[in-house]
PDB file of N, CA and C in Angstrom:
ATOM      1  N   UNK A   1      21.688  25.839  62.111  1.00  0.00           N
ATOM      2  CA  UNK A   1      23.075  25.198  62.597  1.00  0.00           C
ATOM      3  C   UNK A   1      22.694  23.971  63.501  1.00  0.00           C
ATOM      4  N   UNK A   2      22.938  22.618  63.036  1.00  0.00           N
ATOM      5  CA  UNK A   2      22.742  21.619  63.611  1.00  0.00           C
ATOM      6  C   UNK A   2      23.487  21.527  64.912  1.00  0.00           C
ATOM      7  N   UNK A   3      22.554  21.249  66.095  1.00  0.00           N
ATOM      8  CA  UNK A   3      23.267  20.714  67.319  1.00  0.00           C
ATOM      9  C   UNK A   3      22.893  19.187  67.503  1.00  0.00           C
ATOM     10  N   UNK A   4      23.779  18.422  67.755  1.00  0.00           N
ATOM     11  CA  UNK A   4      23.573  17.233  68.058  1.00  0.00           C
ATOM     12  C   UNK A   4      24.181  16.667  69.726  1.00  0.00           C
ATOM     13  N   UNK A   5      23.035  16.210  70.498  1.00  0.00           N
ATOM     14  CA  UNK A   5      23.704  15.868  71.636  1.00  0.00           C
ATOM     15  C   UNK A   5      23.296  14.448  71.911  1.00  0.00           C
ATOM     16  N   UNK A   6      24.556  13.763  72.531  1.00  0.00           N
ATOM     17  CA  UNK A   6      24.453  12.215  72.642  1.00  0.00           C
ATOM     18  C   UNK A   6      24.704  11.943  74.329  1.00  0.00           C
ATOM     19  N   UNK A   7      23.893  11.437  74.990  1.00  0.00           N
ATOM     20  CA  UNK A   7      24.050  11.211  76.268  1.00  0.00           C
ATOM     21  C   UNK A   7      24.264   9.555  76.278  1.00  0.00           C
ATOM     22  N   UNK A   8      25.218   9.012  76.970  1.00  0.00           N
ATOM     23  CA  UNK A   8      25.391   7.779  77.057  1.00  0.00           C
ATOM     24  C   UNK A   8      25.721   7.186  78.565  1.00  0.00           C
ATOM     25  N   UNK A   9      25.684   5.823  78.711  1.00  0.00           N
ATOM     26  CA  UNK A   9      26.237   5.234  79.818  1.00  0.00           C
ATOM     27  C   UNK A   9      27.588   4.713  79.614  1.00  0.00           C
ATOM     28  N   UNK A  10      27.974   4.790  78.329  1.00  0.00           N
ATOM     29  CA  UNK A  10      29.396   4.315  78.075  1.00  0.00           C
ATOM     30  C   UNK A  10      30.631   5.127  78.755  1.00  0.00           C
ATOM     31  N   UNK A  11      31.592   4.474  79.243  1.00  0.00           N
ATOM     32  CA  UNK A  11      32.533   5.343  79.964  1.00  0.00           C
ATOM     33  C   UNK A  11      33.486   6.116  79.112  1.00  0.00           C
ATOM     34  N   UNK A  12      33.728   6.922  79.688  1.00  0.00           N
ATOM     35  CA  UNK A  12      34.596   8.039  78.882  1.00  0.00           C
ATOM     36  C   UNK A  12      36.035   7.337  78.769  1.00  0.00           C
ATOM     37  N   UNK A  13      36.304   6.652  79.260  1.00  0.00           N
ATOM     38  CA  UNK A  13      37.688   5.904  79.296  1.00  0.00           C
ATOM     39  C   UNK A  13      37.812   4.829  78.161  1.00  0.00           C
ATOM     40  N   UNK A  14      36.804   4.497  77.348  1.00  0.00           N
ATOM     41  CA  UNK A  14      36.836   3.729  76.070  1.00  0.00           C
ATOM     42  C   UNK A  14      36.385   4.477  75.094  1.00  0.00           C
ATOM     43  N   UNK A  15      35.821   5.785  75.119  1.00  0.00           N
ATOM     44  CA  UNK A  15      35.513   6.563  74.060  1.00  0.00           C
ATOM     45  C   UNK A  15      36.846   7.673  73.613  1.00  0.00           C
ATOM     46  N   UNK A  16      36.821   7.566  72.069  1.00  0.00           N
ATOM     47  CA  UNK A  16      37.777   8.330  71.429  1.00  0.00           C
ATOM     48  C   UNK A  16      37.642   9.796  71.762  1.00  0.00           C
ATOM     49  N   UNK A  17      38.523  10.510  72.189  1.00  0.00           N
ATOM     50  CA  UNK A  17      38.645  11.907  72.617  1.00  0.00           C
ATOM     51  C   UNK A  17      37.985  12.801  71.583  1.00  0.00           C
ATOM     52  N   UNK A  18      38.364  12.263  70.072  1.00  0.00           N
ATOM     53  CA  UNK A  18      37.877  13.110  69.040  1.00  0.00           C
ATOM     54  C   UNK A  18      36.324  12.622  68.423  1.00  0.00           C
ATOM     55  N   UNK A  19      35.660  11.775  69.295  1.00  0.00           N
ATOM     56  CA  UNK A  19      34.383  11.492  68.754  1.00  0.00           C
ATOM     57  C   UNK A  19      33.160  12.716  68.433  1.00  0.00           C
ATOM     58  N   UNK A  20      33.413  13.809  69.188  1.00  0.00           N
ATOM     59  CA  UNK A  20      32.546  14.984  68.859  1.00  0.00           C
ATOM     60  C   UNK A  20      32.750  15.540  67.422  1.00  0.00           C
ATOM     61  N   UNK A  21      34.089  15.448  66.989  1.00  0.00           N
ATOM     62  CA  UNK A  21      34.467  15.789  65.852  1.00  0.00           C
ATOM     63  C   UNK A  21      33.957  14.837  64.818  1.00  0.00           C
ATOM     64  N   UNK A  22      34.241  13.567  64.823  1.00  0.00           N
ATOM     65  CA  UNK A  22      33.878  12.672  64.171  1.00  0.00           C
ATOM     66  C   UNK A  22      32.227  12.633  63.584  1.00  0.00           C
ATOM     67  N   UNK A  23      31.587  12.726  64.756  1.00  0.00           N
ATOM     68  CA  UNK A  23      29.951  12.870  64.606  1.00  0.00           C
ATOM     69  C   UNK A  23      29.803  14.204  63.771  1.00  0.00           C
ATOM     70  N   UNK A  24      30.654  15.384  64.133  1.00  0.00           N
ATOM     71  CA  UNK A  24      30.166  16.681  63.504  1.00  0.00           C
ATOM     72  C   UNK A  24      30.709  16.509  62.146  1.00  0.00           C
ATOM     73  N   UNK A  25      31.725  15.896  61.405  1.00  0.00           N
ATOM     74  CA  UNK A  25      32.022  15.988  60.120  1.00  0.00           C
ATOM     75  C   UNK A  25      30.881  15.185  59.564  1.00  0.00           C
ATOM     76  N   UNK A  26      30.548  14.007  60.168  1.00  0.00           N
ATOM     77  CA  UNK A  26      29.501  12.985  59.102  1.00  0.00           C
ATOM     78  C   UNK A  26      28.346  13.786  59.622  1.00  0.00           C
ATOM     79  N   UNK A  27      27.869  14.506  60.398  1.00  0.00           N
ATOM     80  CA  UNK A  27      26.617  15.645  60.376  1.00  0.00           C
ATOM     81  C   UNK A  27      26.737  16.376  59.200  1.00  0.00           C
ATOM     82  N   UNK A  28      27.713  17.135  59.169  1.00  0.00           N
ATOM     83  CA  UNK A  28      28.000  18.106  58.218  1.00  0.00           C
ATOM     84  C   UNK A  28      27.677  17.361  56.664  1.00  0.00           C
ATOM     85  N   UNK A  29      28.435  16.358  56.496  1.00  0.00           N
ATOM     86  CA  UNK A  29      28.085  15.905  55.410  1.00  0.00           C
ATOM     87  C   UNK A  29      26.837  15.440  54.710  1.00  0.00           C
ATOM     88  N   UNK A  30      26.138  14.708  55.985  1.00  0.00           N
ATOM     89  CA  UNK A  30      24.833  14.463  55.907  1.00  0.00           C
ATOM     90  C   UNK A  30      23.664  15.338  55.693  1.00  0.00           C
ATOM     91  N   UNK A  31      24.056  16.344  56.371  1.00  0.00           N
ATOM     92  CA  UNK A  31      22.909  17.558  56.370  1.00  0.00           C
ATOM     93  C   UNK A  31      23.317  18.554  55.232  1.00  0.00           C
ATOM     94  N   UNK A  32      24.590  18.476  54.567  1.00  0.00           N
ATOM     95  CA  UNK A  32      25.210  19.580  53.712  1.00  0.00           C
ATOM     96  C   UNK A  32      25.169  20.932  54.436  1.00  0.00           C
ATOM     97  N   UNK A  33      25.638  20.990  55.527  1.00  0.00           N
ATOM     98  CA  UNK A  33      25.910  22.318  56.014  1.00  0.00           C
ATOM     99  C   UNK A  33      27.332  22.326  56.420  1.00  0.00           C
ATOM    100  N   UNK A  34      27.889  23.497  56.220  1.00  0.00           N
ATOM    101  CA  UNK A  34      29.289  23.858  56.653  1.00  0.00           C
ATOM    102  C   UNK A  34      29.714  23.400  58.023  1.00  0.00           C
ATOM    103  N   UNK A  35      30.869  22.767  58.000  1.00  0.00           N
ATOM    104  CA  UNK A  35      31.534  22.266  59.428  1.00  0.00           C
ATOM    105  C   UNK A  35      31.605  23.192  60.736  1.00  0.00           C
ATOM    106  N   UNK A  36      31.700  24.446  60.001  1.00  0.00           N
ATOM    107  CA  UNK A  36      31.845  25.429  60.872  1.00  0.00           C
ATOM    108  C   UNK A  36      30.269  25.804  61.727  1.00  0.00           C
ATOM    109  N   UNK A  37      29.145  25.446  61.118  1.00  0.00           N
ATOM    110  CA  UNK A  37      28.105  25.464  61.680  1.00  0.00           C
ATOM    111  C   UNK A  37      27.322  24.325  62.598  1.00  0.00           C
ATOM    112  N   UNK A  38      28.231  23.350  62.805  1.00  0.00           N
ATOM    113  CA  UNK A  38      27.881  21.976  63.383  1.00  0.00           C
ATOM    114  C   UNK A  38      28.275  21.955  64.673  1.00  0.00           C
ATOM    115  N   UNK A  39      27.541  21.681  65.683  1.00  0.00           N
ATOM    116  CA  UNK A  39      28.029  21.571  67.017  1.00  0.00           C
ATOM    117  C   UNK A  39      27.535  20.255  67.575  1.00  0.00           C
ATOM    118  N   UNK A  40      28.520  19.342  68.155  1.00  0.00           N
ATOM    119  CA  UNK A  40      28.167  18.227  68.907  1.00  0.00           C
ATOM    120  C   UNK A  40      28.737  17.991  70.175  1.00  0.00           C
ATOM    121  N   UNK A  41      27.819  17.321  71.151  1.00  0.00           N
ATOM    122  CA  UNK A  41      28.142  17.197  72.531  1.00  0.00           C
ATOM    123  C   UNK A  41      27.984  15.841  72.731  1.00  0.00           C
ATOM    124  N   UNK A  42      28.933  14.937  73.288  1.00  0.00           N
ATOM    125  CA  UNK A  42      28.682  13.608  73.470  1.00  0.00           C
ATOM    126  C   UNK A  42      29.020  13.801  75.289  1.00  0.00           C
ATOM    127  N   UNK A  43      28.119  13.095  75.965  1.00  0.00           N
ATOM    128  CA  UNK A  43      28.039  13.411  77.329  1.00  0.00           C
ATOM    129  C   UNK A  43      28.124  11.731  77.847  1.00  0.00           C
ATOM    130  N   UNK A  44      29.353  11.192  78.158  1.00  0.00           N
ATOM    131  CA  UNK A  44      29.554   9.739  78.670  1.00  0.00           C
ATOM    132  C   UNK A  44      29.288   9.616  80.120  1.00  0.00           C
ATOM    133  N   UNK A  45      29.333   8.442  80.685  1.00  0.00           N
ATOM    134  CA  UNK A  45      29.298   8.165  82.003  1.00  0.00           C
ATOM    135  C   UNK A  45      28.087   8.376  82.685  1.00  0.00           C
ATOM    136  N   UNK A  46      26.908   8.616  82.104  1.00  0.00           N
ATOM    137  CA  UNK A  46      25.435   8.971  82.537  1.00  0.00           C
ATOM    138  C   UNK A  46      24.975   7.697  83.345  1.00  0.00           C
ATOM    139  N   UNK A  47      24.314   8.032  84.309  1.00  0.00           N
ATOM    140  CA  UNK A  47      23.748   6.710  85.041  1.00  0.00           C
ATOM    141  C   UNK A  47      22.296   6.756  84.199  1.00  0.00           C
ATOM    142  N   UNK A  48      22.250   5.679  83.513  1.00  0.00           N
ATOM    143  CA  UNK A  48      21.199   5.554  82.623  1.00  0.00           C
ATOM    144  C   UNK A  48      20.745   3.955  82.481  1.00  0.00           C
ATOM    145  N   UNK A  49      19.554   3.624  82.141  1.00  0.00           N
ATOM    146  CA  UNK A  49      19.261   2.339  81.660  1.00  0.00           C
ATOM    147  C   UNK A  49      18.163   2.430  80.792  1.00  0.00           C
ATOM    148  N   UNK A  50      18.121   1.393  79.942  1.00  0.00           N
ATOM    149  CA  UNK A  50      17.251   1.374  78.762  1.00  0.00           C
ATOM    150  C   UNK A  50      16.750   0.006  78.619  1.00  0.00           C
ATOM    151  N   UNK A  51      15.545  -0.236  78.557  1.00  0.00           N
ATOM    152  CA  UNK A  51      14.797  -1.758  78.566  1.00  0.00           C
ATOM    153  C   UNK A  51      15.161  -2.194  79.725  1.00  0.00           C
ATOM    154  N   UNK A  52      15.513  -1.747  80.816  1.00  0.00           N
ATOM    155  CA  UNK A  52      15.563  -2.406  82.265  1.00  0.00           C
ATOM    156  C   UNK A  52      17.001  -3.074  82.478  1.00  0.00           C
ATOM    157  N   UNK A  53      17.832  -2.665  81.579  1.00  0.00           N
ATOM    158  CA  UNK A  53      19.243  -2.991  81.638  1.00  0.00           C
ATOM    159  C   UNK A  53      20.178  -1.922  81.523  1.00  0.00           C
ATOM    160  N   UNK A  54      21.316  -1.798  82.068  1.00  0.00           N
ATOM    161  CA  UNK A  54      22.415  -0.890  82.212  1.00  0.00           C
ATOM    162  C   UNK A  54      23.506  -1.092  80.866  1.00  0.00           C
ATOM    163  N   UNK A  55      23.201  -1.903  80.105  1.00  0.00           N
ATOM    164  CA  UNK A  55      23.898  -2.496  79.068  1.00  0.00           C
ATOM    165  C   UNK A  55      24.107  -0.979  78.222  1.00  0.00           C
ATOM    166  N   UNK A  56      24.978  -0.834  77.405  1.00  0.00           N
ATOM    167  CA  UNK A  56      25.424   0.216  76.552  1.00  0.00           C
ATOM    168  C   UNK A  56      24.229   1.042  75.953  1.00  0.00           C
ATOM    169  N   UNK A  57      23.832   1.931  76.236  1.00  0.00           N
ATOM    170  CA  UNK A  57      22.700   2.677  75.669  1.00  0.00           C
ATOM    171  C   UNK A  57      22.891   4.368  75.196  1.00  0.00           C
ATOM    172  N   UNK A  58      21.965   5.013  74.682  1.00  0.00           N
ATOM    173  CA  UNK A  58      22.167   6.414  74.488  1.00  0.00           C
ATOM    174  C   UNK A  58      20.722   7.225  74.210  1.00  0.00           C
ATOM    175  N   UNK A  59      20.806   8.442  74.589  1.00  0.00           N
ATOM    176  CA  UNK A  59      19.691   9.029  74.137  1.00  0.00           C
ATOM    177  C   UNK A  59      20.356  10.347  73.249  1.00  0.00           C
ATOM    178  N   UNK A  60      19.769  10.358  72.077  1.00  0.00           N
ATOM    179  CA  UNK A  60      20.304  11.311  71.130  1.00  0.00           C
ATOM    180  C   UNK A  60      19.405  12.258  70.815  1.00  0.00           C
ATOM    181  N   UNK A  61      19.773  13.601  70.651  1.00  0.00           N
ATOM    182  CA  UNK A  61      18.701  14.610  70.401  1.00  0.00           C
ATOM    183  C   UNK A  61      19.352  15.490  69.138  1.00  0.00           C
ATOM    184  N   UNK A  62      18.755  15.626  68.148  1.00  0.00           N
ATOM    185  CA  UNK A  62      19.390  16.654  67.040  1.00  0.00           C
ATOM    186  C   UNK A  62      18.448  17.655  66.698  1.00  0.00           C
ATOM    187  N   UNK A  63      18.982  18.999  66.890  1.00  0.00           N
ATOM    188  CA  UNK A  63      18.174  20.009  66.720  1.00  0.00           C
ATOM    189  C   UNK A  63      18.870  20.864  65.654  1.00  0.00           C
ATOM    190  N   UNK A  64      17.799  21.327  64.923  1.00  0.00           N
ATOM    191  CA  UNK A  64      18.393  22.227  63.909  1.00  0.00           C
ATOM    192  C   UNK A  64      17.271  23.086  63.225  1.00  0.00           C
ATOM    193  N   UNK A  65      17.681  24.095  62.425  1.00  0.00           N
ATOM    194  CA  UNK A  65      16.749  25.001  61.823  1.00  0.00           C
ATOM    195  C   UNK A  65      16.257  24.421  60.441  1.00  0.00           C
ATOM    196  N   UNK A  66      15.067  24.528  60.267  1.00  0.00           N
ATOM    197  CA  UNK A  66      14.388  24.083  59.024  1.00  0.00           C
ATOM    198  C   UNK A  66      13.273  23.262  59.189  1.00  0.00           C
ATOM    199  N   UNK A  67      12.628  22.750  58.185  1.00  0.00           N
ATOM    200  CA  UNK A  67      11.488  22.122  58.325  1.00  0.00           C
ATOM    201  C   UNK A  67      11.868  20.732  58.225  1.00  0.00           C
ATOM    202  N   UNK A  68      11.302  19.961  59.303  1.00  0.00           N
ATOM    203  CA  UNK A  68      11.448  18.465  59.509  1.00  0.00           C
ATOM    204  C   UNK A  68      10.966  17.621  58.053  1.00  0.00           C
ATOM    205  N   UNK A  69      11.661  16.724  58.045  1.00  0.00           N
ATOM    206  CA  UNK A  69      11.286  15.882  56.760  1.00  0.00           C
ATOM    207  C   UNK A  69      11.391  14.304  57.318  1.00  0.00           C
ATOM    208  N   UNK A  70      10.486  13.449  56.911  1.00  0.00           N
ATOM    209  CA  UNK A  70      10.509  12.228  57.362  1.00  0.00           C
ATOM    210  C   UNK A  70      11.398  11.399  56.737  1.00  0.00           C
ATOM    211  N   UNK A  71      11.514  11.691  55.400  1.00  0.00           N
ATOM    212  CA  UNK A  71      12.771  10.896  54.698  1.00  0.00           C
ATOM    213  C   UNK A  71      14.195  11.252  55.102  1.00  0.00           C
ATOM    214  N   UNK A  72      14.472  12.498  55.228  1.00  0.00           N
ATOM    215  CA  UNK A  72      15.560  13.111  55.791  1.00  0.00           C
ATOM    216  C   UNK A  72      15.852  12.396  57.454  1.00  0.00           C
ATOM    217  N   UNK A  73      14.849  12.527  58.141  1.00  0.00           N
ATOM    218  CA  UNK A  73      15.325  11.495  59.303  1.00  0.00           C
ATOM    219  C   UNK A  73      15.603  10.408  59.360  1.00  0.00           C
ATOM    220  N   UNK A  74      14.826   9.650  58.567  1.00  0.00           N
ATOM    221  CA  UNK A  74      15.396   8.305  58.159  1.00  0.00           C
ATOM    222  C   UNK A  74      16.863   8.148  57.782  1.00  0.00           C
ATOM    223  N   UNK A  75      17.160   8.989  57.140  1.00  0.00           N
ATOM    224  CA  UNK A  75      18.752   8.804  56.823  1.00  0.00           C
ATOM    225  C   UNK A  75      19.663   9.301  58.034  1.00  0.00           C
ATOM    226  N   UNK A  76      19.186  10.369  58.711  1.00  0.00           N
ATOM    227  CA  UNK A  76      19.894  10.870  59.896  1.00  0.00           C
ATOM    228  C   UNK A  76      19.880   9.683  61.024  1.00  0.00           C
ATOM    229  N   UNK A  77      19.028   8.945  60.981  1.00  0.00           N
ATOM    230  CA  UNK A  77      18.629   8.100  62.120  1.00  0.00           C
ATOM    231  C   UNK A  77      19.457   6.814  61.514  1.00  0.00           C
ATOM    232  N   UNK A  78      19.585   6.106  60.137  1.00  0.00           N
ATOM    233  CA  UNK A  78      20.397   5.059  59.894  1.00  0.00           C
ATOM    234  C   UNK A  78      21.920   5.566  60.330  1.00  0.00           C
ATOM    235  N   UNK A  79      22.476   6.876  59.768  1.00  0.00           N
ATOM    236  CA  UNK A  79      23.641   6.990  59.868  1.00  0.00           C
ATOM    237  C   UNK A  79      24.158   7.123  61.276  1.00  0.00           C
ATOM    238  N   UNK A  80      23.303   7.818  62.097  1.00  0.00           N
ATOM    239  CA  UNK A  80      23.570   7.876  63.714  1.00  0.00           C
ATOM    240  C   UNK A  80      23.860   6.729  64.257  1.00  0.00           C
ATOM    241  N   UNK A  81      22.706   5.940  64.017  1.00  0.00           N
ATOM    242  CA  UNK A  81      22.847   4.408  64.300  1.00  0.00           C
ATOM    243  C   UNK A  81      24.080   3.773  64.060  1.00  0.00           C
ATOM    244  N   UNK A  82      24.492   3.595  62.831  1.00  0.00           N
ATOM    245  CA  UNK A  82      25.895   3.161  62.579  1.00  0.00           C
ATOM    246  C   UNK A  82      26.940   3.838  63.346  1.00  0.00           C
ATOM    247  N   UNK A  83      26.991   4.974  63.393  1.00  0.00           N
ATOM    248  CA  UNK A  83      28.000   5.608  64.225  1.00  0.00           C
ATOM    249  C   UNK A  83      28.098   5.009  65.620  1.00  0.00           C
ATOM    250  N   UNK A  84      26.900   5.093  66.184  1.00  0.00           N
ATOM    251  CA  UNK A  84      26.781   4.838  67.587  1.00  0.00           C
ATOM    252  C   UNK A  84      27.298   3.349  67.804  1.00  0.00           C
ATOM    253  N   UNK A  85      26.861   2.379  66.949  1.00  0.00           N
ATOM    254  CA  UNK A  85      27.311   1.080  67.095  1.00  0.00           C
ATOM    255  C   UNK A  85      28.988   1.046  66.989  1.00  0.00           C
ATOM    256  N   UNK A  86      29.158   1.614  65.910  1.00  0.00           N
ATOM    257  CA  UNK A  86      30.771   1.589  65.538  1.00  0.00           C
ATOM    258  C   UNK A  86      31.550   2.215  66.537  1.00  0.00           C
ATOM    259  N   UNK A  87      31.278   3.477  67.158  1.00  0.00           N
ATOM    260  CA  UNK A  87      32.147   4.108  68.395  1.00  0.00           C
ATOM    261  C   UNK A  87      31.568   3.834  69.756  1.00  0.00           C
ATOM    262  N   UNK A  88      30.704   3.578  70.083  1.00  0.00           N
ATOM    263  CA  UNK A  88      30.340   3.375  71.227  1.00  0.00           C
ATOM    264  C   UNK A  88      29.700   2.040  71.621  1.00  0.00           C
ATOM    265  N   UNK A  89      29.387   1.214  70.757  1.00  0.00           N
ATOM    266  CA  UNK A  89      29.052  -0.336  71.036  1.00  0.00           C
ATOM    267  C   UNK A  89      27.450  -0.001  71.236  1.00  0.00           C
ATOM    268  N   UNK A  90      26.774   0.909  70.741  1.00  0.00           N
ATOM    269  CA  UNK A  90      25.200   0.771  71.127  1.00  0.00           C
ATOM    270  C   UNK A  90      24.834   0.525  70.020  1.00  0.00           C
ATOM    271  N   UNK A  91      23.912  -0.749  70.251  1.00  0.00           N
ATOM    272  CA  UNK A  91      23.335  -1.281  69.070  1.00  0.00           C
ATOM    273  C   UNK A  91      21.998  -0.518  68.849  1.00  0.00           C
ATOM    274  N   UNK A  92      21.354  -0.477  67.631  1.00  0.00           N
ATOM    275  CA  UNK A  92      20.222   0.133  67.205  1.00  0.00           C
ATOM    276  C   UNK A  92      18.983   0.194  68.177  1.00  0.00           C
ATOM    277  N   UNK A  93      19.015  -1.054  68.822  1.00  0.00           N
ATOM    278  CA  UNK A  93      17.606  -1.134  69.440  1.00  0.00           C
ATOM    279  C   UNK A  93      18.046  -0.864  70.991  1.00  0.00           C
ATOM    280  N   UNK A  94      19.030  -0.019  71.305  1.00  0.00           N
ATOM    281  CA  UNK A  94      19.436   0.643  72.581  1.00  0.00           C
ATOM    282  C   UNK A  94      19.608   1.742  72.819  1.00  0.00           C
ATOM    283  N   UNK A  95      19.015   2.921  71.992  1.00  0.00           N
ATOM    284  CA  UNK A  95      19.039   4.001  71.978  1.00  0.00           C
ATOM    285  C   UNK A  95      17.752   4.663  71.443  1.00  0.00           C
ATOM    286  N   UNK A  96      17.468   6.007  71.982  1.00  0.00           N
ATOM    287  CA  UNK A  96      16.213   6.909  71.428  1.00  0.00           C
ATOM    288  C   UNK A  96      16.964   7.951  70.848  1.00  0.00           C
ATOM    289  N   UNK A  97      16.013   8.230  69.639  1.00  0.00           N
ATOM    290  CA  UNK A  97      16.458   9.536  69.090  1.00  0.00           C
ATOM    291  C   UNK A  97      15.372  10.418  69.024  1.00  0.00           C
ATOM    292  N   UNK A  98      15.623  11.750  69.143  1.00  0.00           N
ATOM    293  CA  UNK A  98      14.572  13.011  69.024  1.00  0.00           C
ATOM    294  C   UNK A  98      15.234  14.021  68.052  1.00  0.00           C
ATOM    295  N   UNK A  99      14.540  14.269  67.066  1.00  0.00           N
ATOM    296  CA  UNK A  99      14.704  15.089  66.075  1.00  0.00           C
ATOM    297  C   UNK A  99      13.888  16.391  66.129  1.00  0.00           C
ATOM    298  N   UNK A 100      14.567  17.539  66.306  1.00  0.00           N
ATOM    299  CA  UNK A 100      13.824  18.758  66.632  1.00  0.00           C
ATOM    300  C   UNK A 100      14.038  19.787  65.422  1.00  0.00           C
ATOM    301  N   UNK A 101      13.146  19.955  64.885  1.00  0.00           N
ATOM    302  CA  UNK A 101      13.461  21.126  63.875  1.00  0.00           C
ATOM    303  C   UNK A 101      12.411  22.434  63.958  1.00  0.00           C
ATOM    304  N   UNK A 102      13.327  23.455  63.540  1.00  0.00           N
ATOM    305  CA  UNK A 102      12.539  24.933  63.961  1.00  0.00           C
ATOM    306  C   UNK A 102      12.395  25.645  62.757  1.00  0.00           C
ATOM    307  N   UNK A 103      11.373  26.301  62.376  1.00  0.00           N
ATOM    308  CA  UNK A 103      11.245  27.043  61.120  1.00  0.00           C
ATOM    309  C   UNK A 103      11.320  28.323  61.911  1.00  0.00           C
ATOM    310  N   UNK A 104      12.188  29.220  61.409  1.00  0.00           N
ATOM    311  CA  UNK A 104      12.075  30.856  61.686  1.00  0.00           C
ATOM    312  C   UNK A 104      11.615  31.562  60.404  1.00  0.00           C
ATOM    313  N   UNK A 105      10.588  32.300  60.739  1.00  0.00           N
ATOM    314  CA  UNK A 105      10.049  33.086  59.501  1.00  0.00           C
ATOM    315  C   UNK A 105      10.680  34.632  59.575  1.00  0.00           C
TER     316      UNK A 105
END
């Protein structure tokens, strides 16, 4: 079950209310997982700075079950970067991403 958490300093007043659904749908396609197994949390209005400024920024964590794969992480990173810029105005140099994969045996 993929879980995407996005913390941002962007105001909720300018964020599309359906943004968690948009990210969930994209993540479902990207990871090949059914949408009913994907969860997304967008937390706006955080007091945060990145690189010493309070320009739009984000901290992104993607947690999922399975083995980590650098090639897949590069694809996830690219698409999440595009979505963050398109929907939040957060440029690729203004967010940190963390991918956490868990293997259950």
